[in-house]
Each structure stands twice: as C-alpha cells, then as structure tokens.
Amino acid sequence: MDYDEQNMVAHLLDGLDPTSKDAIKNPKSIADFVEALRELPDRPTAATQLLEKLDGWGGTAWHCLHKILSPRLPKFVYFDDYDSMPGKVSVPDLIRRRDGGKLDRGEQALLSLLGMAGAELEDFHITNEHEHVVRELENASAGISDEVFEYWSQNTQLAVKLQPFQPEANAKAPLNEGPILQIRVDNSRHRASVPFDERSRGFVWFFSFLAYFTELEEAAKHDLILLLDEPGLSLHGRAQQDLLRLIDKRLAPKHQVLYTTHSPFMVSADHLQRVRTVIDQDNSGTKVSAEIFKADEDTAFPLYAAMGIEMTQSLFIGEHTLLLKGPSDLIYLDILSDALTDQGRTGLDPRWVKTPIGGSGKLSTFVTLLGANKLHVAVLVDSSTKDLGAVKRLRDNDQLAKDGLLEVGQFTGTKDADIEDLFEPVFYLDLVNRAYSQHLPTPITTGDLNPHDPRIVRKIETYFRDNTIATGNFDHYKPAAKLLREQVALVPNIAEVTLARAEQLFVALNNLLP
C-alpha cells in the first residue's frame, strides 16, 4: 500500500518536546528517526518511551504500519458442508474437550446452540434434582426453537428438544460415558421426534450454520469476512430463500459475506449488482468479473434462471392473486373498475394481481401451484365451467381461501354465465359488430341469436359457425381489444345495470382481502 513516510516522521516529531525536536536534524525515514532518538543526550522520558515503542514495532515505516493496522484487519471465516454439529454427544467427554481447547467446529456449534438458550453443558448432568433438570431442558429447548425457526419457514410445526440419557449397552467411546445429550427434532403434526442428525441434510446444515455463526458473532473481536462454499447446496429452493433472508438480515448488516453458488435460488434478482462471475479461461487462469452477462452460457445460466423466476413472480403472481380464464376477462375487469372509480364507486382493489391462465382447464393446477407457495388466491369462473367441481374440491381441502371461488352467475342472476354476461346484450353485440365489421355482411342483432341460450358468447359462437363468419371461429379477445382501444367513446355507453353487477363483484372480491 502507498504511504508517505515523511508525514509519518513529521507526526512522530510533533509528539516530542522542543529540545528533542531541535536535536533531531531532518530525519528522512523512520529508521533515521529511530537512530536519532538513540543518539539523544540525556534522553527525556517521552523520547525514551517512543524509542521503545518503535523498536518494538520493528523500527521501519512498514513494520510500524503493519503493527498498527494488523489488529484492525477483519478475520476470514470459512464454512462448508463438513461443519455440521453432532446430534448426540457424551457430556463429560465434551466438557474435557472444551476445557482442553480441542473442539471441532461442529462441536463448537453445539455449544453455541446451548449458549443461545442460556444453558451450559454442566446443566445436563443427571442429578437428583429432577425438577431442576426438566426446567433447564424445557427452557433451553424453547429458546433454541425460537431462534432457529425464525429463519426456517419450511415447516413451522417443528421444535428442538434436548434429551439426556444414560449410555447404551456396549456403546463405543466416547458415547460409553454418560450422561449422553441428544438433540431431537419434534414434529407436532406427526406427533413424533427423530434425532437431529437423521433430519434432512439441508436442515442439519442450516441449523449448524446458524448455531455456529451466533457463537462466532458473540465471541468476535474483529470484523468478519464470511466465506460460504456452496451454502444451501442440499436445501429446497424455498429453504435457499430462507438462507438468503438470513444472510441479508443477520449477517450482511454487520459483516462482509462472500458465497459461491450454482443455484438460481441463491441469486437475488433484486441485487444483481452483487454478482460476480468466475470463469476458468484458457491461458489466462481464473477471471472474476462484474460484467455478469458477458460470461459463457454455462456460467450465466443460474443468472438467467434467477431472472426468469423473478419475472414469473413479478409479472403474473402477487401476494393476492386473482385467477381469470383469459386475457379478455382481465380487460373487462380493468375497464369496468376504472369506470366505477371515475364515478367515485367501488372498483377492484389494486392489491389483486389479475392472472389470466389460458383456459378453465388449468384452474385447478394453478390454484394448487400458487397455494403451495402460500399465496392468497381467488378464482373467478364461468358459472358452467367444467372444471368448477375440481376447484371446489381444492377449496374444501383448504387450498383455496374460504369464499375464494366466485362464479359470474352470482352477479348476473343466472345459473349459466360468463364474464361477457355482465354486459347488456345490446352493448356486447355492438362490440362484436365493431370488432368484426370486415367479416359481417350486416351487423348482428339480438333477433339473429338463439333466444333459448342464456350465454351471449355461446349464442355468437353458434351464429358464426352457422353462417361461416370468420371461417366459423369467434375470437373472444377481439371484442375486448376493441373496447380497450376505443374505451373513451364506448365506456359512456355501458349501462348502469352492468356497472351495478361489476360493483357487486368487486365488493365481493375486495372483502376477501385483509
């Protein structure tokens, strides 16, 4: 590093008394300054103390800087997959190893786990004070569970329990010396517990890392640079997001964190500026670069995958998701909502993310998918949708919010209806005539349609097919697109009865929101 030795010398001279300053003639370096201090006649106490300090530091500029700066350097801590803590230990053996400074990192993580709950190894010696032991165990178990499961969201029905017992017959050292302390993970849903080290590998890693880091953070006298080698490698995608949350909220505010990954779930699309690609190039070795999308396809693949996941979440999925059959449904709801709010009436709450899924046959699949991601989902379906029964079963199985399935017929007053039936037939026919003006020899009137079919769209589909209009295929989207493009002229023609139906629908949907 660069430094100005003359400034260093001037700073040291300023600390001397005037007589000593006058006796030292323009030293060019720290080494010259040290030699001049040695040659001072009747050296004052302050000069003697400074000489001893500089000699102790090495007597040169660089040695002095090193002595001053090295205690301030951060410490590097490396954590990998081999630091998982044991699920069962001999308490006396662990006490001896602790006192002798021979603990490995996994065992240190176990001690820090106890420390998180304010417990010591000595608390788990079996004594005659049964009530005291039970209380200590319960307190420690509760404290550990609260700390760990603040960040582990995969299963909220787990709890950590500490259980002492005597050694098993013919146990091998050191587990032949009791008491033995075992960590167990209790699952309240299944009403069963298993030893900690028989849980999933990812859970064991996550648990061990949090415990070890807590101890490290409390004991550290220096800033830390944490090096995590493929963290979360054995974690489920959502559990990796828990780990990212732990890093962002617990680690990064205090320490520098560097981790390697190939997983798109460990790349935050909100913070791509943090990413560096690492490429092993022929003839030039390993290159680390902030120009992340100039990397080769294999290196950049996790980044593209992370962006794809984020785009899917942000474009189509929200905390409150309203599933619709198609894009025309979305257009009609938006325009009707705007028309109502312009009149000071109730429109659709903007917290709803409207998601067209391309057909009623996909409804049950999307409800299951989004419900599994703990999102609030509602579904607006045609009153005669063939998939209605499947969606109702999802609601009965608690995968769809109570009252989260709304049928259009609830607001049109008919048993058979789709979203176009919110409009008066004359208005919707006008949209169709405008959208298909080049295909229709004369505009369609209500008298041209089957009076016995309650659904306007189905009537028009039949008319197109019978009269070979547009090769007999009626596109639901075209009238919606026409309304969207010409809404300034067309919205004032929407009947009050239509607005009233839409308002009832929006009130029902908004009432589902918190």
Foldseek 3Di string as FASTA:
>chain_A
DDDDFLVVLVVVLVPDDPVLNVQQDDDPFQLSVLVSLVPDPPRDPVSVVVNVVCVVQPRGPVSVVCVVCVVADAAEDEDELPQFADQKDALVVLVVCVVVVNDDNNSLLVQLLQVQLPHHSVLCADDPPVVSNVVSQVSSFVSSQVQLVVLQPPANQKTKGKDWDAADPPDDPPSNHDRMIGIWIAGPVVRDIDTPVPPFSLSSSSSSVSSSVSVCVVPDPYAYEYEYEARSVRPDLVSLLSVVVCCVPPPVVGHHYDYDHQALSNDAPVPLQVDWFWDQDPPPGIDTGSPQVVDDCSRCVSVVVNVVVVCCCVQAHALEEEEEAAPLLVLVLVLLQVLQVVVVAHHADVRYRYHHDHHPVCVLVVLQVVLVVVGAYAYEEWLPGPCVVSVVVCVVVVSHDVLRYHYLCVLLVDNGEDPVSLFDLVLLQVLVCVLQVVQDPDRDDPVQFDPVDSYSVVRVLVVCLVVCGVNSDDDPVSSSVSCVVPVVVRVVVTDPSSSVSSSVVSVSVVVSDD
